[in-house]
Amino acid sequence: MKKKVAVIGSGFSGLSAAAYAARAGFDVHVYERHDQAGGRARQFSTQEGFIFDMGPSWYWMPDIIDGFFADFGYQTSDFFQLVSLNPQFEMIFSEKNMRVPRDFEEMVELFEFVEKGAGKQLRKFMESAKFKYEIGMKEFVNKPSHSWLEFMSPKIAKSSLKLDLLSNFRNYVARYFKSAELRTLMEFPVIFLGASPKDIPALYSLMNYGGYALGTHYPIGGFYQLVRAMSVVAEKQGATFHFNKQVEELQVEQGRVSALRINGVVEEFDLVIASSDYHHTESLLPKAYRNYTDEYWKTRIFAPSSLIYYLGIDEHIPNLTHHSLFFENELDDHISCIYEDVKWPDKPLFYACCPSKTDPHVAPAGKENLFLLMPLAIDISDPEDTRERYLRAMLKRLEQHTGTAELYDKIIYKRSYCVSDFKQDYHAYGGNAYGLANTLKQTAVWKPKIRNKRLSNLYYTGQLTVPGPGVPPAIISGRIVANEIIKLKNSTI
């Protein structure tokens, strides 16, 4: 008889875990509190004809995503059309703008134009970043991180010095480039890891390779196409999805989770994989069976939350790329407002995504789909009038950059999303948007464990455990946990 597995949540880690576990012969049931799969990567449509991806928009590390589908005998092209963006994105500084080209040789020329000798330095940087990517993404991040002994393989040991685990990313980048703009350009990818570049290990230059060298892509129809594709793969393996189902309690009996209470109904399971927020999942357990106390979570460094606006604009916006980063102000000033002097930033940085520049499906003809995101501290108050004030400020900067006027008056659809919404919709600790920051002391074995220490059949996956935040790491996280329960397949659980 098949072992029955509950997967709580259908974000990327949950989808991945469900697919691998179902393929291995488990009877997999995915419980999602919303009416569609995807978690933070949900999608919604409006009466005005706009289609908005709610969360992830950077399709990086395509080889990791390709690897998921290849494991099941598919290609991404079986499910969606993937476009390579050119330029990959534009970074707007106070005195100049830089469009990052798709072609690496053109990128070398751009760096050389900005700073003499920087083209050669970029080649050296990327050569080292490629090495870290091949070790980091193929070896390092695939470990369940129960113990440091897992990392004692000859390949990792031999490469340890080259991985630059003990160097911080900011100092590492400064070895290669003098230009403030180029340094910021190279530091930008690690912002996805949720901390200042001075607190991120230099190992994560692998992000530069996974993004800049492998390219920035976009699935026609929106990022949600990846959610749909992974859902289909999981279903074809035999996984069953249950929507509008809230897991309310994990019931414990004789050292194991015996059942879940879901929408008031008790269901028995042999194994449970929690892709839901780690802290929230543990709040559904009796205190004696939790891995971590509330005090523990208070000491963790979380990646930021975000203020997000989904906007439908009633005209085309000229001079705007698919991805644009507004970095006219100091990065460290903004980061300080997130981690030190916690407040809404005085001179914020923000990100604009305009997928209608690439995809005619996401906005009516002659109109633009605009997604604005500004990083914020977790647990900060986010009243609507404050959100609105920052929206107007971001639009003013968009107007200056694009040569447009009165963009606010041209909004025909508007929805804001912020700290309290992350808490409400995802039970996100502190309203975080990305999980735990990938600082050195929150890497690998130092992350929250994927296995419950007191309950033999409860596992955790997703952005609050290994390997960390981001879509490709979440997919890897799901596979890691599925492999762990596969080891138990023929044992008594």
Protein backbone atom coordinates (compact mmCIF):
# COMPACT_ATOMS: atom_id res chain seq x y z
CA MET A 1 0.00 0.00 0.00
CA LYS A 2 1.32 3.44 -0.93
CA LYS A 3 2.50 5.71 1.85
CA LYS A 4 0.29 8.80 2.00
CA VAL A 5 2.13 12.14 1.94
CA ALA A 6 0.72 15.59 2.64
CA VAL A 7 2.48 18.58 1.10
CA ILE A 8 1.42 21.81 2.78
CA GLY A 9 1.61 24.68 0.30
CA SER A 10 2.15 24.77 -3.45
CA GLY A 11 4.97 27.24 -3.88
CA PHE A 12 7.92 26.14 -5.99
CA SER A 13 9.39 23.96 -3.25
CA GLY A 14 6.03 22.28 -2.66
CA LEU A 15 5.50 21.66 -6.38
CA SER A 16 8.98 20.23 -6.70
CA ALA A 17 8.64 17.99 -3.62
CA ALA A 18 5.23 16.77 -4.79
CA ALA A 19 6.51 15.83 -8.25
CA TYR A 20 9.57 13.92 -7.03
CA ALA A 21 7.70 12.17 -4.19
CA ALA A 22 4.82 11.13 -6.45
CA ARG A 23 7.25 9.75 -9.03
CA ALA A 24 8.83 7.66 -6.28
CA GLY A 25 5.51 5.96 -5.60
CA PHE A 26 4.03 7.98 -2.75
CA ASP A 27 0.35 8.92 -2.66
CA VAL A 28 0.88 12.68 -2.64
CA HIS A 29 -1.75 15.25 -1.69
CA VAL A 30 -0.95 18.97 -1.96
CA TYR A 31 -3.00 21.32 0.23
CA GLU A 32 -3.11 24.98 -0.82
CA ARG A 33 -5.08 27.64 1.07
CA HIS A 34 -5.57 29.75 -2.08
CA ASP A 35 -7.58 28.89 -5.17
CA GLN A 36 -4.52 28.28 -7.34
CA ALA A 37 -1.02 26.88 -7.07
CA GLY A 38 2.12 28.99 -6.84
CA GLY A 39 2.28 30.60 -3.41
CA ARG A 40 4.06 33.93 -3.84
CA ALA A 41 4.19 33.23 -7.57
CA ARG A 42 0.43 33.35 -8.06
CA GLN A 43 -1.11 35.28 -10.93
CA PHE A 44 -4.30 37.30 -11.26
CA SER A 45 -6.28 38.91 -14.07
CA THR A 46 -8.34 42.10 -14.05
CA GLN A 47 -11.55 43.17 -15.73
CA GLU A 48 -9.52 45.73 -17.67
CA GLY A 49 -7.58 42.94 -19.39
CA PHE A 50 -4.30 42.94 -17.43
CA ILE A 51 -2.54 39.78 -16.23
CA PHE A 52 -0.19 40.24 -13.27
CA ASP A 53 2.41 37.89 -11.85
CA MET A 54 2.25 38.53 -8.12
CA GLY A 55 5.83 37.70 -7.18
CA PRO A 56 8.92 36.36 -8.98
CA SER A 57 9.76 38.02 -12.27
CA TRP A 58 13.49 37.27 -12.77
CA TYR A 59 13.95 34.02 -14.68
CA TRP A 60 17.59 33.26 -13.86
CA MET A 61 19.61 30.03 -13.66
CA PRO A 62 17.66 28.43 -16.53
CA ASP A 63 19.78 25.28 -16.33
CA ILE A 64 18.45 24.53 -12.83
CA ILE A 65 14.87 24.93 -14.04
CA ASP A 66 15.63 22.88 -17.15
CA GLY A 67 17.05 20.18 -14.88
CA PHE A 68 13.74 19.82 -13.04
CA PHE A 69 11.83 19.14 -16.25
CA ALA A 70 14.57 16.88 -17.64
CA ASP A 71 14.25 14.69 -14.54
CA PHE A 72 10.72 13.87 -15.69
CA GLY A 73 11.48 13.54 -19.40
CA TYR A 74 10.35 17.01 -20.42
CA GLN A 75 11.75 20.29 -21.71
CA THR A 76 10.53 23.75 -20.77
CA SER A 77 9.55 24.20 -24.42
CA ASP A 78 6.95 21.47 -23.91
CA PHE A 79 5.06 23.92 -21.71
CA PHE A 80 5.96 27.51 -22.57
CA GLN A 81 7.97 29.76 -24.85
CA LEU A 82 11.04 31.20 -23.15
CA VAL A 83 12.41 34.50 -24.43
CA SER A 84 15.95 35.70 -23.76
CA LEU A 85 15.74 39.41 -22.89
CA ASN A 86 17.97 41.95 -24.59
CA PRO A 87 18.82 44.11 -22.79
CA GLN A 88 18.62 41.91 -19.73
CA PHE A 89 17.76 44.98 -17.69
CA GLU A 90 18.57 48.66 -17.27
CA MET A 91 20.11 50.18 -14.16
CA ILE A 92 19.36 53.87 -13.63
CA PHE A 93 21.96 55.84 -11.68
CA SER A 94 21.95 59.51 -10.71
CA GLU A 95 24.25 60.54 -13.57
CA LYS A 96 24.13 57.68 -16.08
CA ASN A 97 22.12 54.66 -17.12
CA MET A 98 23.46 51.23 -18.06
CA ARG A 99 21.65 48.66 -20.17
CA VAL A 100 23.09 45.19 -19.63
CA PRO A 101 23.23 43.38 -22.98
CA ARG A 102 22.38 39.72 -23.48
CA ASP A 103 25.65 38.99 -25.30
CA PHE A 104 28.59 38.56 -22.94
CA GLU A 105 31.11 40.08 -25.37
CA GLU A 106 28.95 43.19 -25.56
CA MET A 107 28.91 43.23 -21.77
CA VAL A 108 32.71 43.15 -21.75
CA GLU A 109 32.71 46.14 -24.11
CA LEU A 110 30.26 48.00 -21.86
CA PHE A 111 32.47 47.47 -18.80
CA GLU A 112 35.55 48.57 -20.70
CA PHE A 113 33.73 51.71 -21.84
CA VAL A 114 32.82 52.61 -18.26
CA GLU A 115 36.24 51.82 -16.79
CA LYS A 116 39.49 51.13 -18.60
CA GLY A 117 40.60 47.56 -17.92
CA ALA A 118 37.23 46.54 -16.51
CA GLY A 119 36.44 44.35 -19.52
CA LYS A 120 39.39 42.09 -18.73
CA GLN A 121 38.44 42.14 -15.07
CA LEU A 122 34.90 41.07 -15.93
CA ARG A 123 36.25 38.03 -17.75
CA LYS A 124 38.30 37.08 -14.68
CA PHE A 125 35.36 37.70 -12.36
CA MET A 126 33.02 35.56 -14.44
CA GLU A 127 35.57 32.77 -14.80
CA SER A 128 35.72 32.54 -11.01
CA ALA A 129 31.93 32.96 -10.72
CA LYS A 130 31.40 30.10 -13.18
CA PHE A 131 33.60 27.85 -11.04
CA LYS A 132 31.59 28.78 -7.93
CA TYR A 133 28.35 28.20 -9.83
CA GLU A 134 29.38 24.74 -10.95
CA ILE A 135 30.45 23.74 -7.44
CA GLY A 136 27.83 25.74 -5.54
CA MET A 137 24.73 24.91 -7.60
CA LYS A 138 25.71 21.35 -8.54
CA GLU A 139 27.30 20.24 -5.26
CA PHE A 140 26.98 22.67 -2.34
CA VAL A 141 23.26 23.49 -2.47
CA ASN A 142 22.12 19.94 -3.07
CA LYS A 143 23.02 18.78 0.43
CA PRO A 144 20.31 18.29 3.07
CA SER A 145 22.71 19.96 5.54
CA HIS A 146 22.14 17.64 8.47
CA SER A 147 25.88 17.81 9.21
CA TRP A 148 29.07 19.47 7.96
CA LEU A 149 30.32 15.96 7.11
CA GLU A 150 28.17 16.12 3.98
CA PHE A 151 30.50 18.81 2.64
CA MET A 152 33.64 16.74 3.07
CA SER A 153 33.56 15.35 -0.45
CA PRO A 154 36.93 15.48 -2.27
CA LYS A 155 35.49 17.87 -4.88
CA ILE A 156 34.18 20.39 -2.34
CA ALA A 157 37.24 20.06 -0.08
CA LYS A 158 39.58 20.63 -3.01
CA SER A 159 37.59 23.69 -4.06
CA SER A 160 37.02 25.19 -0.61
CA LEU A 161 39.51 28.05 -0.89
CA LYS A 162 38.26 29.03 -4.33
CA LEU A 163 34.70 29.24 -3.03
CA ASP A 164 35.58 32.37 -1.00
CA LEU A 165 33.19 31.52 1.83
CA LEU A 166 35.02 33.75 4.29
CA SER A 167 35.29 36.85 2.07
CA ASN A 168 32.40 39.29 1.95
CA PHE A 169 30.88 40.06 -1.41
CA ARG A 170 31.43 43.83 -1.28
CA ASN A 171 35.18 43.56 -0.73
CA TYR A 172 35.38 40.81 -3.30
CA VAL A 173 33.76 42.95 -6.01
CA ALA A 174 36.01 45.90 -5.11
CA ARG A 175 39.06 43.78 -5.96
CA TYR A 176 37.91 43.76 -9.56
CA PHE A 177 36.25 47.12 -10.23
CA LYS A 178 36.82 50.74 -9.18
CA SER A 179 33.79 52.35 -10.81
CA ALA A 180 30.96 52.86 -8.29
CA GLU A 181 28.41 52.08 -11.00
CA LEU A 182 30.08 48.81 -12.00
CA ARG A 183 30.43 47.74 -8.38
CA THR A 184 26.73 48.42 -7.81
CA LEU A 185 25.87 46.54 -10.98
CA MET A 186 27.82 43.52 -9.76
CA GLU A 187 26.44 43.77 -6.21
CA PHE A 188 22.83 43.92 -7.35
CA PRO A 189 22.19 40.15 -7.86
CA VAL A 190 22.99 39.29 -4.23
CA ILE A 191 20.24 41.64 -3.06
CA PHE A 192 17.95 38.71 -3.92
CA LEU A 193 19.70 36.86 -1.08
CA GLY A 194 18.30 39.31 1.41
CA ALA A 195 21.20 41.18 2.99
CA SER A 196 23.78 43.86 2.35
CA PRO A 197 26.65 42.82 0.04
CA LYS A 198 29.01 43.35 2.99
CA ASP A 199 27.20 40.55 4.85
CA ILE A 200 26.96 38.04 1.99
CA PRO A 201 29.80 35.53 1.35
CA ALA A 202 31.74 36.02 -1.90
CA LEU A 203 30.66 32.49 -2.82
CA TYR A 204 27.49 34.10 -4.14
CA SER A 205 29.26 35.67 -7.09
CA LEU A 206 27.74 32.52 -8.57
CA MET A 207 24.57 34.65 -8.81
CA ASN A 208 26.31 36.92 -11.31
CA TYR A 209 27.12 33.94 -13.49
CA GLY A 210 23.65 32.44 -13.10
CA GLY A 211 22.11 35.77 -14.11
CA TYR A 212 24.38 37.83 -16.32
CA ALA A 213 26.29 35.05 -18.07
CA LEU A 214 23.42 32.56 -18.47
CA GLY A 215 21.05 35.40 -19.29
CA THR A 216 17.76 36.84 -18.10
CA HIS A 217 14.70 35.16 -19.56
CA TYR A 218 10.93 35.52 -19.60
CA PRO A 219 8.20 32.90 -20.22
CA ILE A 220 5.54 34.25 -22.58
CA GLY A 221 2.27 34.44 -20.66
CA GLY A 222 4.06 35.39 -17.46
CA PHE A 223 6.18 33.74 -14.79
CA TYR A 224 3.10 31.78 -13.75
CA GLN A 225 3.67 29.56 -16.79
CA LEU A 226 6.42 27.89 -14.75
CA VAL A 227 3.94 27.22 -11.92
CA ARG A 228 1.45 25.73 -14.37
CA ALA A 229 4.12 23.55 -15.96
CA MET A 230 5.42 22.21 -12.65
CA SER A 231 1.84 21.53 -11.53
CA VAL A 232 1.20 19.49 -14.67
CA VAL A 233 4.40 17.52 -14.11
CA ALA A 234 3.42 16.78 -10.50
CA GLU A 235 -0.09 15.71 -11.54
CA LYS A 236 1.28 13.44 -14.25
CA GLN A 237 3.35 11.70 -11.57
CA GLY A 238 0.14 11.11 -9.60
CA ALA A 239 0.03 14.04 -7.17
CA THR A 240 -3.41 15.38 -6.26
CA PHE A 241 -4.01 19.08 -5.60
CA HIS A 242 -6.57 20.40 -3.13
CA PHE A 243 -7.27 24.15 -3.29
CA ASN A 244 -8.95 26.46 -0.77
CA LYS A 245 -7.72 24.10 1.93
CA GLN A 246 -6.29 25.61 5.11
CA VAL A 247 -4.16 23.32 7.30
CA GLU A 248 -5.18 24.29 10.83
CA GLU A 249 -3.37 21.77 13.02
CA LEU A 250 -0.69 19.07 12.93
CA GLN A 251 -1.79 16.33 15.31
CA VAL A 252 0.92 14.33 17.08
CA GLU A 253 0.84 10.75 18.32
CA GLN A 254 3.71 8.50 19.45
CA GLY A 255 6.54 10.63 18.08
CA ARG A 256 5.06 11.34 14.67
CA VAL A 257 2.49 13.54 12.96
CA SER A 258 -0.53 11.30 12.77
CA ALA A 259 -2.98 13.61 11.04
CA LEU A 260 -3.72 17.12 9.79
CA ARG A 261 -6.84 19.11 10.53
CA ILE A 262 -7.79 20.73 7.22
CA ASN A 263 -10.80 23.05 7.04
CA GLY A 264 -12.04 21.38 10.20
CA VAL A 265 -11.67 17.83 8.84
CA VAL A 266 -9.03 15.44 10.21
CA GLU A 267 -7.00 13.51 7.60
CA GLU A 268 -4.40 10.86 8.43
CA PHE A 269 -0.99 10.76 6.72
CA ASP A 270 2.20 8.73 6.84
CA LEU A 271 4.49 11.68 6.04
CA VAL A 272 4.18 15.47 5.97
CA ILE A 273 6.24 17.94 3.92
CA ALA A 274 5.70 21.57 4.91
CA SER A 275 6.35 24.00 2.07
CA SER A 276 4.44 26.58 4.09
CA ASP A 277 6.19 29.21 6.21
CA TYR A 278 8.45 27.30 8.62
CA HIS A 279 7.58 29.36 11.69
CA HIS A 280 3.86 29.20 10.94
CA THR A 281 3.99 25.45 10.39
CA GLU A 282 5.59 24.97 13.77
CA SER A 283 2.91 27.13 15.39
CA LEU A 284 0.45 24.40 14.38
CA LEU A 285 2.35 21.90 16.55
CA PRO A 286 2.35 21.56 20.33
CA LYS A 287 5.33 23.56 21.64
CA ALA A 288 7.16 20.45 22.82
CA TYR A 289 7.50 19.24 19.22
CA ARG A 290 8.77 22.41 17.56
CA ASN A 291 12.32 22.64 16.25
CA TYR A 292 12.68 26.30 17.21
CA THR A 293 11.34 28.72 19.78
CA ASP A 294 9.92 32.17 19.09
CA GLU A 295 13.13 33.57 20.59
CA TYR A 296 15.15 31.72 17.95
CA TRP A 297 13.19 33.28 15.10
CA LYS A 298 13.62 36.75 16.61
CA THR A 299 17.40 36.34 16.31
CA ARG A 300 17.33 35.39 12.62
CA ILE A 301 18.20 37.89 9.88
CA PHE A 302 15.32 37.89 7.43
CA ALA A 303 15.37 39.03 3.87
CA PRO A 304 13.27 42.16 3.33
CA SER A 305 9.59 42.53 2.83
CA SER A 306 8.39 44.67 -0.07
CA LEU A 307 5.95 47.31 -1.14
CA ILE A 308 4.53 46.12 -4.46
CA TYR A 309 2.19 47.89 -6.85
CA TYR A 310 0.39 46.22 -9.75
CA LEU A 311 -0.55 48.96 -12.18
CA GLY A 312 -2.41 49.09 -15.45
CA ILE A 313 -1.37 52.20 -17.40
CA ASP A 314 -3.61 53.64 -20.10
CA GLU A 315 -0.83 54.28 -22.63
CA HIS A 316 2.57 53.01 -23.74
CA ILE A 317 5.51 54.17 -21.64
CA PRO A 318 8.51 55.03 -23.85
CA ASN A 319 12.16 54.43 -22.98
CA LEU A 320 11.39 51.67 -20.48
CA THR A 321 12.87 48.16 -20.60
CA HIS A 322 11.28 44.94 -19.34
CA HIS A 323 13.37 45.16 -16.12
CA SER A 324 14.56 48.50 -14.72
CA LEU A 325 16.40 49.17 -11.46
CA PHE A 326 16.23 52.68 -10.02
CA PHE A 327 19.49 53.08 -8.11
CA GLU A 328 19.90 56.86 -8.17
CA ASN A 329 20.23 56.83 -4.37
CA GLU A 330 22.73 55.11 -2.07
CA LEU A 331 22.23 51.36 -1.66
CA ASP A 332 23.59 51.36 1.88
CA ASP A 333 21.20 54.11 2.99
CA HIS A 334 18.25 52.04 1.86
CA ILE A 335 19.67 48.85 3.41
CA SER A 336 20.18 50.69 6.71
CA CYS A 337 16.44 51.40 6.83
CA ILE A 338 15.80 47.66 6.53
CA TYR A 339 18.29 46.26 9.06
CA GLU A 340 19.52 49.04 11.34
CA ASP A 341 17.48 52.24 11.67
CA VAL A 342 14.25 50.46 10.78
CA LYS A 343 11.84 52.78 8.98
CA TRP A 344 10.40 53.58 5.58
CA PRO A 345 13.37 54.80 3.50
CA ASP A 346 13.92 58.49 2.89
CA LYS A 347 15.64 57.93 -0.46
CA PRO A 348 14.45 54.54 -1.65
CA LEU A 349 15.66 52.32 -4.42
CA PHE A 350 13.06 50.39 -6.38
CA TYR A 351 12.52 47.97 -9.24
CA ALA A 352 10.13 48.32 -12.17
CA CYS A 353 9.01 45.40 -14.33
CA CYS A 354 7.09 46.11 -17.51
CA PRO A 355 6.37 42.68 -19.06
CA SER A 356 4.09 44.20 -21.69
CA LYS A 357 7.31 45.38 -23.39
CA THR A 358 7.94 41.70 -24.21
CA ASP A 359 4.56 40.02 -23.98
CA PRO A 360 1.37 41.31 -25.69
CA HIS A 361 -0.74 38.86 -23.66
CA VAL A 362 -0.41 40.65 -20.30
CA ALA A 363 -1.97 44.02 -21.21
CA PRO A 364 -4.59 45.29 -23.67
CA ALA A 365 -3.29 46.84 -26.88
CA GLY A 366 -1.85 50.31 -26.35
CA LYS A 367 -1.54 49.90 -22.58
CA GLU A 368 1.22 48.85 -20.17
CA ASN A 369 1.45 46.28 -17.40
CA LEU A 370 3.65 47.79 -14.68
CA PHE A 371 4.93 46.09 -11.54
CA LEU A 372 6.79 48.24 -8.98
CA LEU A 373 8.68 46.80 -6.01
CA MET A 374 10.48 48.59 -3.18
CA PRO A 375 12.29 46.54 -0.46
CA LEU A 376 11.19 47.23 3.11
CA ALA A 377 11.98 46.11 6.63
CA ILE A 378 9.86 43.26 7.96
CA ASP A 379 7.19 43.94 10.58
CA ILE A 380 6.92 47.60 9.62
CA SER A 381 3.54 49.38 9.66
CA ASP A 382 2.19 49.73 6.12
CA PRO A 383 -0.99 51.87 6.02
CA GLU A 384 -2.48 52.58 2.63
CA ASP A 385 -1.71 56.31 2.74
CA THR A 386 2.00 55.55 3.26
CA ARG A 387 1.98 53.07 0.40
CA GLU A 388 0.31 55.68 -1.79
CA ARG A 389 2.91 58.32 -0.97
CA TYR A 390 5.72 56.02 -2.11
CA LEU A 391 3.81 55.06 -5.24
CA ARG A 392 3.65 58.70 -6.28
CA ALA A 393 7.36 59.12 -5.55
CA MET A 394 8.27 56.08 -7.66
CA LEU A 395 6.09 57.25 -10.53
CA LYS A 396 7.78 60.66 -10.49
CA ARG A 397 11.14 58.96 -10.95
CA LEU A 398 9.71 56.84 -13.74
CA GLU A 399 8.49 60.02 -15.43
CA GLN A 400 11.93 61.61 -15.20
CA HIS A 401 13.55 58.53 -16.68
CA THR A 402 11.06 57.93 -19.50
CA GLY A 403 10.19 61.51 -20.39
CA THR A 404 6.51 61.00 -19.59
CA ALA A 405 4.15 63.05 -17.45
CA GLU A 406 1.15 62.52 -15.16
CA LEU A 407 1.52 58.73 -15.01
CA TYR A 408 -0.57 58.61 -11.85
CA ASP A 409 -3.53 60.05 -13.71
CA LYS A 410 -3.15 57.37 -16.39
CA ILE A 411 -3.59 54.46 -13.99
CA ILE A 412 -6.67 52.41 -14.91
CA TYR A 413 -5.92 49.53 -12.54
CA LYS A 414 -4.13 49.69 -9.20
CA ARG A 415 -3.48 47.20 -6.41
CA SER A 416 -0.95 47.50 -3.61
CA TYR A 417 0.67 44.63 -1.71
CA CYS A 418 2.87 45.01 1.34
CA VAL A 419 4.03 43.65 4.71
CA SER A 420 0.59 42.97 6.18
CA ASP A 421 -0.50 41.25 2.96
CA PHE A 422 2.46 38.86 3.08
CA LYS A 423 1.43 38.01 6.64
CA GLN A 424 -2.22 37.56 5.74
CA ASP A 425 -1.78 35.55 2.53
CA TYR A 426 1.30 33.45 3.34
CA HIS A 427 1.63 33.55 7.15
CA ALA A 428 5.07 35.00 6.32
CA TYR A 429 7.15 35.64 9.42
CA GLY A 430 7.30 39.41 9.89
CA GLY A 431 5.75 39.76 6.46
CA ASN A 432 9.04 38.80 4.79
CA ALA A 433 8.98 38.45 1.02
CA TYR A 434 12.06 36.29 0.35
CA GLY A 435 12.85 34.14 3.41
CA LEU A 436 16.04 34.12 5.45
CA ALA A 437 19.03 36.19 4.37
CA ASN A 438 21.91 34.08 3.06
CA THR A 439 24.49 35.42 5.46
CA LEU A 440 27.44 33.16 6.32
CA LYS A 441 25.92 32.25 9.70
CA GLN A 442 22.64 31.36 7.98
CA THR A 443 24.12 29.11 5.31
CA ALA A 444 23.90 25.32 4.95
CA VAL A 445 24.01 23.56 8.35
CA TRP A 446 23.27 26.88 10.08
CA LYS A 447 19.88 27.18 8.40
CA PRO A 448 16.70 25.81 10.03
CA LYS A 449 16.73 22.03 9.61
CA ILE A 450 14.71 20.29 6.94
CA ARG A 451 13.78 17.49 9.36
CA ASN A 452 11.84 17.80 12.60
CA LYS A 453 14.09 16.74 15.46
CA ARG A 454 11.30 15.15 17.52
CA LEU A 455 8.81 13.89 14.95
CA SER A 456 10.03 11.16 12.62
CA ASN A 457 7.78 11.97 9.66
CA LEU A 458 7.74 15.78 9.43
CA TYR A 459 9.97 17.63 6.95
CA TYR A 460 10.31 21.28 5.92
CA THR A 461 11.13 22.77 2.54
CA GLY A 462 11.27 26.24 1.00
CA GLN A 463 12.91 29.60 1.49
CA LEU A 464 13.36 29.39 5.27
CA THR A 465 15.46 26.24 5.06
CA VAL A 466 18.16 24.90 2.71
CA PRO A 467 19.38 26.02 0.29
CA GLY A 468 17.71 29.45 0.60
CA PRO A 469 15.64 32.11 -1.17
CA GLY A 470 14.93 32.29 -4.88
CA VAL A 471 13.03 30.18 -7.42
CA PRO A 472 15.84 27.78 -8.44
CA PRO A 473 16.87 27.17 -4.79
CA ALA A 474 13.22 26.50 -3.91
CA ILE A 475 13.00 23.88 -6.67
CA ILE A 476 16.19 22.31 -5.34
CA SER A 477 14.83 22.43 -1.79
CA GLY A 478 11.77 20.41 -2.83
CA ARG A 479 13.96 17.78 -4.46
CA ILE A 480 16.21 17.53 -1.40
CA VAL A 481 13.26 16.86 0.90
CA ALA A 482 11.68 14.39 -1.52
CA ASN A 483 14.96 12.48 -1.59
CA GLU A 484 14.95 12.39 2.19
CA ILE A 485 11.53 10.74 2.37
CA ILE A 486 12.43 8.38 -0.46
CA LYS A 487 15.16 7.04 1.84
CA LEU A 488 12.37 6.07 4.23
CA LYS A 489 10.15 4.47 1.60
CA ASN A 490 10.70 0.89 2.69
CA SER A 491 11.07 1.54 6.41
CA THR A 492 8.44 1.64 9.14
CA ILE A 493 7.38 5.27 9.66
